[in-house]
Amino acid sequence: MPRHIPHKTTLELEPHQVLLKPLVTEKGTDQSAKYNAYAFEVNKLATKTDIRRAVEKLFDVKVEKVHIQNRKGKPRRTRMHYGYTNDWKKAIVTLNKEHTIEFF
């Protein structure tokens, strides 16, 4: 019996569809100051190359590395109902030394 091999999707995302929002946190601000690395919430379908292209196009910078984390939703409770927040994808993008991104 042949194994099912999943096929690669040919879905092309626009740069504004890849990057959902920047994550401006205390840890992220420290990373941007020390390592020139910035964190973004990204589309769950986006790959590292999609994220690299989107950041370079939207912010006009040169990207060195892209790290991705798939984050699980947290348990939440409202009165008698239990549930979870949505799963999401986080990207940490390290830029070239000459480039920076200003969020403010």
PDB file of N, CA and C in Angstrom:
ATOM      1  N   MET A   1       0.839  -1.170   0.000  1.00  0.00           N
ATOM      2  CA  MET A   1       0.000   0.000   0.000  1.00  0.00           C
ATOM      3  C   MET A   1       0.894   1.247   0.000  1.00  0.00           C
ATOM      4  N   PRO A   2       0.713   2.173  -0.936  1.00  0.00           N
ATOM      5  CA  PRO A   2       1.595   3.340  -0.995  1.00  0.00           C
ATOM      6  C   PRO A   2       1.320   4.314   0.149  1.00  0.00           C
ATOM      7  N   ARG A   3       2.406   4.913   0.626  1.00  0.00           N
ATOM      8  CA  ARG A   3       2.276   5.922   1.677  1.00  0.00           C
ATOM      9  C   ARG A   3       1.743   7.214   1.088  1.00  0.00           C
ATOM     10  N   HIS A   4       0.958   7.918   1.884  1.00  0.00           N
ATOM     11  CA  HIS A   4       0.459   9.218   1.449  1.00  0.00           C
ATOM     12  C   HIS A   4       1.538  10.261   1.718  1.00  0.00           C
ATOM     13  N   ILE A   5       1.985  10.925   0.672  1.00  0.00           N
ATOM     14  CA  ILE A   5       2.980  11.982   0.812  1.00  0.00           C
ATOM     15  C   ILE A   5       2.257  13.316   0.651  1.00  0.00           C
ATOM     16  N   PRO A   6       2.281  14.153   1.703  1.00  0.00           N
ATOM     17  CA  PRO A   6       1.574  15.429   1.574  1.00  0.00           C
ATOM     18  C   PRO A   6       2.246  16.313   0.540  1.00  0.00           C
ATOM     19  N   HIS A   7       1.439  16.992  -0.252  1.00  0.00           N
ATOM     20  CA  HIS A   7       1.988  17.872  -1.274  1.00  0.00           C
ATOM     21  C   HIS A   7       2.164  19.280  -0.725  1.00  0.00           C
ATOM     22  N   LYS A   8       3.110  19.970  -1.276  1.00  0.00           N
ATOM     23  CA  LYS A   8       3.402  21.344  -0.864  1.00  0.00           C
ATOM     24  C   LYS A   8       2.327  22.270  -1.427  1.00  0.00           C
ATOM     25  N   THR A   9       1.799  23.142  -0.577  1.00  0.00           N
ATOM     26  CA  THR A   9       0.789  24.076  -1.059  1.00  0.00           C
ATOM     27  C   THR A   9       1.462  25.179  -1.862  1.00  0.00           C
ATOM     28  N   THR A  10       0.762  25.694  -2.822  1.00  0.00           N
ATOM     29  CA  THR A  10       1.304  26.752  -3.654  1.00  0.00           C
ATOM     30  C   THR A  10       0.645  28.085  -3.310  1.00  0.00           C
ATOM     31  N   LEU A  11       0.213  28.225  -2.061  1.00  0.00           N
ATOM     32  CA  LEU A  11      -0.428  29.447  -1.623  1.00  0.00           C
ATOM     33  C   LEU A  11       0.621  30.536  -1.453  1.00  0.00           C
ATOM     34  N   GLU A  12       0.437  31.640  -2.163  1.00  0.00           N
ATOM     35  CA  GLU A  12       1.364  32.764  -2.071  1.00  0.00           C
ATOM     36  C   GLU A  12       0.741  33.847  -1.191  1.00  0.00           C
ATOM     37  N   LEU A  13       1.431  34.210  -0.118  1.00  0.00           N
ATOM     38  CA  LEU A  13       0.945  35.242   0.787  1.00  0.00           C
ATOM     39  C   LEU A  13       1.621  36.572   0.464  1.00  0.00           C
ATOM     40  N   GLU A  14       0.845  37.641   0.516  1.00  0.00           N
ATOM     41  CA  GLU A  14       1.400  38.980   0.344  1.00  0.00           C
ATOM     42  C   GLU A  14       2.138  39.374   1.627  1.00  0.00           C
ATOM     43  N   PRO A  15       3.111  40.293   1.552  1.00  0.00           N
ATOM     44  CA  PRO A  15       3.860  40.675   2.754  1.00  0.00           C
ATOM     45  C   PRO A  15       2.992  41.177   3.902  1.00  0.00           C
ATOM     46  N   HIS A  16       1.920  41.911   3.595  1.00  0.00           N
ATOM     47  CA  HIS A  16       1.064  42.391   4.668  1.00  0.00           C
ATOM     48  C   HIS A  16       0.190  41.278   5.252  1.00  0.00           C
ATOM     49  N   GLN A  17       0.090  40.132   4.569  1.00  0.00           N
ATOM     50  CA  GLN A  17      -0.637  38.982   5.108  1.00  0.00           C
ATOM     51  C   GLN A  17       0.263  38.108   5.967  1.00  0.00           C
ATOM     52  N   VAL A  18       1.576  38.184   5.751  1.00  0.00           N
ATOM     53  CA  VAL A  18       2.527  37.353   6.497  1.00  0.00           C
ATOM     54  C   VAL A  18       2.722  37.901   7.906  1.00  0.00           C
ATOM     55  N   LEU A  19       3.073  39.186   8.016  1.00  0.00           N
ATOM     56  CA  LEU A  19       3.308  39.807   9.318  1.00  0.00           C
ATOM     57  C   LEU A  19       1.998  40.347   9.862  1.00  0.00           C
ATOM     58  N   LEU A  20       1.528  39.791  10.980  1.00  0.00           N
ATOM     59  CA  LEU A  20       0.260  40.232  11.556  1.00  0.00           C
ATOM     60  C   LEU A  20       0.451  41.432  12.479  1.00  0.00           C
ATOM     61  N   LYS A  21       1.444  41.354  13.402  1.00  0.00           N
ATOM     62  CA  LYS A  21       1.722  42.493  14.275  1.00  0.00           C
ATOM     63  C   LYS A  21       3.088  42.308  14.919  1.00  0.00           C
ATOM     64  N   PRO A  22       3.757  43.416  15.240  1.00  0.00           N
ATOM     65  CA  PRO A  22       5.014  43.303  15.979  1.00  0.00           C
ATOM     66  C   PRO A  22       4.719  43.004  17.444  1.00  0.00           C
ATOM     67  N   LEU A  23       5.590  42.244  18.077  1.00  0.00           N
ATOM     68  CA  LEU A  23       5.432  41.930  19.495  1.00  0.00           C
ATOM     69  C   LEU A  23       6.362  42.848  20.280  1.00  0.00           C
ATOM     70  N   VAL A  24       5.803  43.904  20.834  1.00  0.00           N
ATOM     71  CA  VAL A  24       6.587  44.868  21.601  1.00  0.00           C
ATOM     72  C   VAL A  24       6.442  44.508  23.073  1.00  0.00           C
ATOM     73  N   THR A  25       7.421  43.753  23.587  1.00  0.00           N
ATOM     74  CA  THR A  25       7.432  43.333  24.984  1.00  0.00           C
ATOM     75  C   THR A  25       8.768  43.753  25.590  1.00  0.00           C
ATOM     76  N   GLU A  26       8.886  43.574  26.875  1.00  0.00           N
ATOM     77  CA  GLU A  26      10.139  43.931  27.545  1.00  0.00           C
ATOM     78  C   GLU A  26      11.278  43.052  27.034  1.00  0.00           C
ATOM     79  N   LYS A  27      11.020  41.772  26.897  1.00  0.00           N
ATOM     80  CA  LYS A  27      12.039  40.849  26.393  1.00  0.00           C
ATOM     81  C   LYS A  27      12.395  41.179  24.943  1.00  0.00           C
ATOM     82  N   GLY A  28      11.394  41.489  24.125  1.00  0.00           N
ATOM     83  CA  GLY A  28      11.635  41.817  22.731  1.00  0.00           C
ATOM     84  C   GLY A  28      12.418  43.108  22.561  1.00  0.00           C
ATOM     85  N   THR A  29      12.135  44.100  23.394  1.00  0.00           N
ATOM     86  CA  THR A  29      12.872  45.355  23.329  1.00  0.00           C
ATOM     87  C   THR A  29      14.324  45.141  23.717  1.00  0.00           C
ATOM     88  N   ASP A  30      14.563  44.284  24.700  1.00  0.00           N
ATOM     89  CA  ASP A  30      15.928  43.961  25.108  1.00  0.00           C
ATOM     90  C   ASP A  30      16.665  43.238  23.983  1.00  0.00           C
ATOM     91  N   GLN A  31      15.981  42.306  23.305  1.00  0.00           N
ATOM     92  CA  GLN A  31      16.595  41.585  22.181  1.00  0.00           C
ATOM     93  C   GLN A  31      16.931  42.528  21.036  1.00  0.00           C
ATOM     94  N   SER A  32      16.063  43.512  20.786  1.00  0.00           N
ATOM     95  CA  SER A  32      16.333  44.435  19.691  1.00  0.00           C
ATOM     96  C   SER A  32      17.531  45.318  20.011  1.00  0.00           C
ATOM     97  N   ALA A  33      17.716  45.661  21.281  1.00  0.00           N
ATOM     98  CA  ALA A  33      18.860  46.493  21.655  1.00  0.00           C
ATOM     99  C   ALA A  33      20.168  45.699  21.634  1.00  0.00           C
ATOM    100  N   LYS A  34      20.146  44.469  22.146  1.00  0.00           N
ATOM    101  CA  LYS A  34      21.377  43.671  22.244  1.00  0.00           C
ATOM    102  C   LYS A  34      21.753  42.979  20.936  1.00  0.00           C
ATOM    103  N   TYR A  35      20.770  42.325  20.302  1.00  0.00           N
ATOM    104  CA  TYR A  35      21.077  41.437  19.175  1.00  0.00           C
ATOM    105  C   TYR A  35      20.507  41.911  17.838  1.00  0.00           C
ATOM    106  N   ASN A  36      19.850  43.068  17.824  1.00  0.00           N
ATOM    107  CA  ASN A  36      19.210  43.583  16.614  1.00  0.00           C
ATOM    108  C   ASN A  36      18.193  42.575  16.074  1.00  0.00           C
ATOM    109  N   ALA A  37      17.436  41.946  17.002  1.00  0.00           N
ATOM    110  CA  ALA A  37      16.429  40.936  16.659  1.00  0.00           C
ATOM    111  C   ALA A  37      15.052  41.460  17.047  1.00  0.00           C
ATOM    112  N   TYR A  38      14.077  41.256  16.176  1.00  0.00           N
ATOM    113  CA  TYR A  38      12.732  41.769  16.381  1.00  0.00           C
ATOM    114  C   TYR A  38      11.743  40.615  16.299  1.00  0.00           C
ATOM    115  N   ALA A  39      10.690  40.668  17.125  1.00  0.00           N
ATOM    116  CA  ALA A  39       9.698  39.598  17.186  1.00  0.00           C
ATOM    117  C   ALA A  39       8.395  40.056  16.535  1.00  0.00           C
ATOM    118  N   PHE A  40       7.777  39.135  15.803  1.00  0.00           N
ATOM    119  CA  PHE A  40       6.511  39.411  15.127  1.00  0.00           C
ATOM    120  C   PHE A  40       5.574  38.229  15.325  1.00  0.00           C
ATOM    121  N   GLU A  41       4.269  38.520  15.384  1.00  0.00           N
ATOM    122  CA  GLU A  41       3.276  37.466  15.245  1.00  0.00           C
ATOM    123  C   GLU A  41       3.029  37.333  13.751  1.00  0.00           C
ATOM    124  N   VAL A  42       3.137  36.101  13.245  1.00  0.00           N
ATOM    125  CA  VAL A  42       3.039  35.881  11.806  1.00  0.00           C
ATOM    126  C   VAL A  42       1.917  34.897  11.502  1.00  0.00           C
ATOM    127  N   ASN A  43       1.549  34.839  10.237  1.00  0.00           N
ATOM    128  CA  ASN A  43       0.534  33.914   9.753  1.00  0.00           C
ATOM    129  C   ASN A  43       1.003  32.476   9.985  1.00  0.00           C
ATOM    130  N   LYS A  44       0.082  31.609  10.394  1.00  0.00           N
ATOM    131  CA  LYS A  44       0.458  30.227  10.683  1.00  0.00           C
ATOM    132  C   LYS A  44       0.913  29.466   9.438  1.00  0.00           C
ATOM    133  N   LEU A  45       0.536  29.940   8.252  1.00  0.00           N
ATOM    134  CA  LEU A  45       0.931  29.274   7.009  1.00  0.00           C
ATOM    135  C   LEU A  45       2.270  29.771   6.465  1.00  0.00           C
ATOM    136  N   ALA A  46       2.821  30.827   7.053  1.00  0.00           N
ATOM    137  CA  ALA A  46       4.042  31.447   6.529  1.00  0.00           C
ATOM    138  C   ALA A  46       5.267  30.597   6.833  1.00  0.00           C
ATOM    139  N   THR A  47       6.196  30.544   5.871  1.00  0.00           N
ATOM    140  CA  THR A  47       7.467  29.850   6.052  1.00  0.00           C
ATOM    141  C   THR A  47       8.549  30.874   6.369  1.00  0.00           C
ATOM    142  N   LYS A  48       9.765  30.379   6.657  1.00  0.00           N
ATOM    143  CA  LYS A  48      10.869  31.289   6.960  1.00  0.00           C
ATOM    144  C   LYS A  48      11.182  32.193   5.774  1.00  0.00           C
ATOM    145  N   THR A  49      11.143  31.659   4.566  1.00  0.00           N
ATOM    146  CA  THR A  49      11.442  32.492   3.391  1.00  0.00           C
ATOM    147  C   THR A  49      10.353  33.531   3.166  1.00  0.00           C
ATOM    148  N   ASP A  50       9.088  33.177   3.434  1.00  0.00           N
ATOM    149  CA  ASP A  50       7.999  34.163   3.334  1.00  0.00           C
ATOM    150  C   ASP A  50       8.219  35.310   4.310  1.00  0.00           C
ATOM    151  N   ILE A  51       8.616  34.976   5.543  1.00  0.00           N
ATOM    152  CA  ILE A  51       8.827  35.985   6.576  1.00  0.00           C
ATOM    153  C   ILE A  51      10.012  36.870   6.211  1.00  0.00           C
ATOM    154  N   ARG A  52      11.084  36.265   5.714  1.00  0.00           N
ATOM    155  CA  ARG A  52      12.263  37.035   5.301  1.00  0.00           C
ATOM    156  C   ARG A  52      11.894  38.050   4.213  1.00  0.00           C
ATOM    157  N   ARG A  53      11.179  37.598   3.184  1.00  0.00           N
ATOM    158  CA  ARG A  53      10.787  38.483   2.087  1.00  0.00           C
ATOM    159  C   ARG A  53       9.873  39.609   2.568  1.00  0.00           C
ATOM    160  N   ALA A  54       8.923  39.269   3.461  1.00  0.00           N
ATOM    161  CA  ALA A  54       7.969  40.265   3.942  1.00  0.00           C
ATOM    162  C   ALA A  54       8.665  41.355   4.755  1.00  0.00           C
ATOM    163  N   VAL A  55       9.572  40.975   5.647  1.00  0.00           N
ATOM    164  CA  VAL A  55      10.269  41.959   6.474  1.00  0.00           C
ATOM    165  C   VAL A  55      11.163  42.833   5.599  1.00  0.00           C
ATOM    166  N   GLU A  56      11.870  42.220   4.657  1.00  0.00           N
ATOM    167  CA  GLU A  56      12.752  43.004   3.786  1.00  0.00           C
ATOM    168  C   GLU A  56      11.962  43.979   2.918  1.00  0.00           C
ATOM    169  N   LYS A  57      10.795  43.566   2.462  1.00  0.00           N
ATOM    170  CA  LYS A  57      10.001  44.442   1.590  1.00  0.00           C
ATOM    171  C   LYS A  57       9.293  45.548   2.373  1.00  0.00           C
ATOM    172  N   LEU A  58       8.679  45.207   3.502  1.00  0.00           N
ATOM    173  CA  LEU A  58       7.894  46.192   4.248  1.00  0.00           C
ATOM    174  C   LEU A  58       8.764  47.220   4.981  1.00  0.00           C
ATOM    175  N   PHE A  59       9.921  46.798   5.510  1.00  0.00           N
ATOM    176  CA  PHE A  59      10.740  47.701   6.314  1.00  0.00           C
ATOM    177  C   PHE A  59      12.016  48.150   5.606  1.00  0.00           C
ATOM    178  N   ASP A  60      12.283  47.638   4.404  1.00  0.00           N
ATOM    179  CA  ASP A  60      13.456  47.999   3.615  1.00  0.00           C
ATOM    180  C   ASP A  60      14.750  47.777   4.405  1.00  0.00           C
ATOM    181  N   VAL A  61      14.923  46.535   4.900  1.00  0.00           N
ATOM    182  CA  VAL A  61      16.096  46.145   5.673  1.00  0.00           C
ATOM    183  C   VAL A  61      16.666  44.847   5.110  1.00  0.00           C
ATOM    184  N   LYS A  62      17.837  44.435   5.611  1.00  0.00           N
ATOM    185  CA  LYS A  62      18.471  43.177   5.216  1.00  0.00           C
ATOM    186  C   LYS A  62      18.377  42.202   6.379  1.00  0.00           C
ATOM    187  N   VAL A  63      17.760  41.034   6.159  1.00  0.00           N
ATOM    188  CA  VAL A  63      17.540  40.038   7.206  1.00  0.00           C
ATOM    189  C   VAL A  63      18.696  39.035   7.216  1.00  0.00           C
ATOM    190  N   GLU A  64      19.245  38.778   8.408  1.00  0.00           N
ATOM    191  CA  GLU A  64      20.304  37.779   8.578  1.00  0.00           C
ATOM    192  C   GLU A  64      19.714  36.388   8.842  1.00  0.00           C
ATOM    193  N   LYS A  65      18.872  36.284   9.903  1.00  0.00           N
ATOM    194  CA  LYS A  65      18.313  34.993  10.322  1.00  0.00           C
ATOM    195  C   LYS A  65      16.838  35.136  10.659  1.00  0.00           C
ATOM    196  N   VAL A  66      16.126  34.025  10.564  1.00  0.00           N
ATOM    197  CA  VAL A  66      14.722  33.968  10.978  1.00  0.00           C
ATOM    198  C   VAL A  66      14.542  32.717  11.831  1.00  0.00           C
ATOM    199  N   HIS A  67      14.048  32.908  13.043  1.00  0.00           N
ATOM    200  CA  HIS A  67      13.702  31.794  13.926  1.00  0.00           C
ATOM    201  C   HIS A  67      12.192  31.783  14.092  1.00  0.00           C
ATOM    202  N   ILE A  68      11.609  30.575  14.124  1.00  0.00           N
ATOM    203  CA  ILE A  68      10.151  30.442  14.217  1.00  0.00           C
ATOM    204  C   ILE A  68       9.796  29.604  15.444  1.00  0.00           C
ATOM    205  N   GLN A  69       8.733  30.032  16.127  1.00  0.00           N
ATOM    206  CA  GLN A  69       8.192  29.266  17.247  1.00  0.00           C
ATOM    207  C   GLN A  69       6.694  29.096  17.031  1.00  0.00           C
ATOM    208  N   ASN A  70       6.206  27.873  17.152  1.00  0.00           N
ATOM    209  CA  ASN A  70       4.771  27.623  17.138  1.00  0.00           C
ATOM    210  C   ASN A  70       4.296  27.623  18.581  1.00  0.00           C
ATOM    211  N   ARG A  71       3.461  28.585  18.928  1.00  0.00           N
ATOM    212  CA  ARG A  71       3.033  28.764  20.305  1.00  0.00           C
ATOM    213  C   ARG A  71       1.649  28.151  20.505  1.00  0.00           C
ATOM    214  N   LYS A  72       1.488  27.405  21.599  1.00  0.00           N
ATOM    215  CA  LYS A  72       0.207  26.791  21.938  1.00  0.00           C
ATOM    216  C   LYS A  72      -0.667  27.801  22.681  1.00  0.00           C
ATOM    217  N   GLY A  73      -1.979  27.664  22.516  1.00  0.00           N
ATOM    218  CA  GLY A  73      -2.908  28.539  23.218  1.00  0.00           C
ATOM    219  C   GLY A  73      -2.936  28.227  24.704  1.00  0.00           C
ATOM    220  N   LYS A  74      -3.252  29.245  25.495  1.00  0.00           N
ATOM    221  CA  LYS A  74      -3.296  29.085  26.943  1.00  0.00           C
ATOM    222  C   LYS A  74      -4.703  28.705  27.388  1.00  0.00           C
ATOM    223  N   PRO A  75      -4.824  27.940  28.465  1.00  0.00           N
ATOM    224  CA  PRO A  75      -6.166  27.633  28.978  1.00  0.00           C
ATOM    225  C   PRO A  75      -6.796  28.864  29.616  1.00  0.00           C
ATOM    226  N   ARG A  76      -8.058  29.079  29.328  1.00  0.00           N
ATOM    227  CA  ARG A  76      -8.801  30.207  29.867  1.00  0.00           C
ATOM    228  C   ARG A  76     -10.164  29.725  30.361  1.00  0.00           C
ATOM    229  N   ARG A  77     -10.724  30.470  31.324  1.00  0.00           N
ATOM    230  CA  ARG A  77     -12.025  30.100  31.866  1.00  0.00           C
ATOM    231  C   ARG A  77     -12.899  31.327  31.988  1.00  0.00           C
ATOM    232  N   THR A  78     -14.145  31.206  31.573  1.00  0.00           N
ATOM    233  CA  THR A  78     -15.141  32.248  31.762  1.00  0.00           C
ATOM    234  C   THR A  78     -16.332  31.611  32.461  1.00  0.00           C
ATOM    235  N   ARG A  79     -16.551  31.963  33.689  1.00  0.00           N
ATOM    236  CA  ARG A  79     -17.600  31.375  34.515  1.00  0.00           C
ATOM    237  C   ARG A  79     -17.495  29.855  34.512  1.00  0.00           C
ATOM    238  N   MET A  80     -18.457  29.172  33.884  1.00  0.00           N
ATOM    239  CA  MET A  80     -18.436  27.704  33.914  1.00  0.00           C
ATOM    240  C   MET A  80     -17.824  27.095  32.660  1.00  0.00           C
ATOM    241  N   HIS A  81     -17.389  27.926  31.735  1.00  0.00           N
ATOM    242  CA  HIS A  81     -16.884  27.416  30.466  1.00  0.00           C
ATOM    243  C   HIS A  81     -15.353  27.435  30.437  1.00  0.00           C
ATOM    244  N   TYR A  82     -14.786  26.317  30.018  1.00  0.00           N
ATOM    245  CA  TYR A  82     -13.344  26.219  29.867  1.00  0.00           C
ATOM    246  C   TYR A  82     -13.007  26.230  28.386  1.00  0.00           C
ATOM    247  N   GLY A  83     -11.874  26.793  28.055  1.00  0.00           N
ATOM    248  CA  GLY A  83     -11.456  26.813  26.664  1.00  0.00           C
ATOM    249  C   GLY A  83      -9.991  27.184  26.564  1.00  0.00           C
ATOM    250  N   TYR A  84      -9.533  27.370  25.346  1.00  0.00           N
ATOM    251  CA  TYR A  84      -8.151  27.730  25.076  1.00  0.00           C
ATOM    252  C   TYR A  84      -8.121  28.921  24.131  1.00  0.00           C
ATOM    253  N   THR A  85      -7.096  29.760  24.274  1.00  0.00           N
ATOM    254  CA  THR A  85      -6.868  30.791  23.279  1.00  0.00           C
ATOM    255  C   THR A  85      -6.303  30.116  22.032  1.00  0.00           C
ATOM    256  N   ASN A  86      -6.277  30.832  20.919  1.00  0.00           N
ATOM    257  CA  ASN A  86      -5.817  30.247  19.663  1.00  0.00           C
ATOM    258  C   ASN A  86      -4.317  29.980  19.671  1.00  0.00           C
ATOM    259  N   ASP A  87      -3.907  28.931  18.961  1.00  0.00           N
ATOM    260  CA  ASP A  87      -2.487  28.706  18.717  1.00  0.00           C
ATOM    261  C   ASP A  87      -2.007  29.771  17.741  1.00  0.00           C
ATOM    262  N   TRP A  88      -0.721  30.139  17.828  1.00  0.00           N
ATOM    263  CA  TRP A  88      -0.187  31.165  16.944  1.00  0.00           C
ATOM    264  C   TRP A  88       1.277  30.914  16.662  1.00  0.00           C
ATOM    265  N   LYS A  89       1.804  31.627  15.690  1.00  0.00           N
ATOM    266  CA  LYS A  89       3.191  31.456  15.271  1.00  0.00           C
ATOM    267  C   LYS A  89       3.955  32.747  15.520  1.00  0.00           C
ATOM    268  N   LYS A  90       5.149  32.602  16.096  1.00  0.00           N
ATOM    269  CA  LYS A  90       6.000  33.745  16.419  1.00  0.00           C
ATOM    270  C   LYS A  90       7.277  33.641  15.607  1.00  0.00           C
ATOM    271  N   ALA A  91       7.741  34.761  15.064  1.00  0.00           N
ATOM    272  CA  ALA A  91       8.989  34.798  14.317  1.00  0.00           C
ATOM    273  C   ALA A  91       9.915  35.817  14.958  1.00  0.00           C
ATOM    274  N   ILE A  92      11.172  35.408  15.175  1.00  0.00           N
ATOM    275  CA  ILE A  92      12.201  36.317  15.664  1.00  0.00           C
ATOM    276  C   ILE A  92      13.168  36.543  14.508  1.00  0.00           C
ATOM    277  N   VAL A  93      13.225  37.783  14.042  1.00  0.00           N
ATOM    278  CA  VAL A  93      13.990  38.132  12.848  1.00  0.00           C
ATOM    279  C   VAL A  93      15.226  38.916  13.268  1.00  0.00           C
ATOM    280  N   THR A  94      16.413  38.409  12.923  1.00  0.00           N
ATOM    281  CA  THR A  94      17.662  39.099  13.207  1.00  0.00           C
ATOM    282  C   THR A  94      18.086  39.855  11.961  1.00  0.00           C
ATOM    283  N   LEU A  95      18.377  41.150  12.136  1.00  0.00           N
ATOM    284  CA  LEU A  95      18.728  42.006  11.013  1.00  0.00           C
ATOM    285  C   LEU A  95      20.238  42.188  10.904  1.00  0.00           C
ATOM    286  N   ASN A  96      20.659  42.671   9.741  1.00  0.00           N
ATOM    287  CA  ASN A  96      22.046  43.043   9.512  1.00  0.00           C
ATOM    288  C   ASN A  96      22.408  44.198  10.450  1.00  0.00           C
ATOM    289  N   LYS A  97      23.696  44.324  10.774  1.00  0.00           N
ATOM    290  CA  LYS A  97      24.132  45.332  11.740  1.00  0.00           C
ATOM    291  C   LYS A  97      23.805  46.763  11.322  1.00  0.00           C
ATOM    292  N   GLU A  98      23.775  47.039  10.024  1.00  0.00           N
ATOM    293  CA  GLU A  98      23.524  48.412   9.568  1.00  0.00           C
ATOM    294  C   GLU A  98      22.052  48.816   9.627  1.00  0.00           C
ATOM    295  N   HIS A  99      21.145  47.850   9.792  1.00  0.00           N
ATOM    296  CA  HIS A  99      19.720  48.146   9.704  1.00  0.00           C
ATOM    297  C   HIS A  99      19.045  48.037  11.063  1.00  0.00           C
ATOM    298  N   THR A 100      18.002  48.836  11.252  1.00  0.00           N
ATOM    299  CA  THR A 100      17.157  48.741  12.447  1.00  0.00           C
ATOM    300  C   THR A 100      15.708  49.003  12.013  1.00  0.00           C
ATOM    301  N   ILE A 101      14.782  48.630  12.891  1.00  0.00           N
ATOM    302  CA  ILE A 101      13.355  48.895  12.668  1.00  0.00           C
ATOM    303  C   ILE A 101      12.873  49.744  13.833  1.00  0.00           C
ATOM    304  N   GLU A 102      12.207  50.856  13.525  1.00  0.00           N
ATOM    305  CA  GLU A 102      11.645  51.724  14.558  1.00  0.00           C
ATOM    306  C   GLU A 102      10.132  51.505  14.590  1.00  0.00           C
ATOM    307  N   PHE A 103       9.617  51.019  15.725  1.00  0.00           N
ATOM    308  CA  PHE A 103       8.185  50.794  15.869  1.00  0.00           C
ATOM    309  C   PHE A 103       7.465  52.030  16.368  1.00  0.00           C
ATOM    310  N   PHE A 104       8.177  52.941  17.038  1.00  0.00           N
ATOM    311  CA  PHE A 104       7.526  54.104  17.654  1.00  0.00           C
ATOM    312  C   PHE A 104       7.919  55.357  16.920  1.00  0.00           C
TER     313      PHE A 104
END
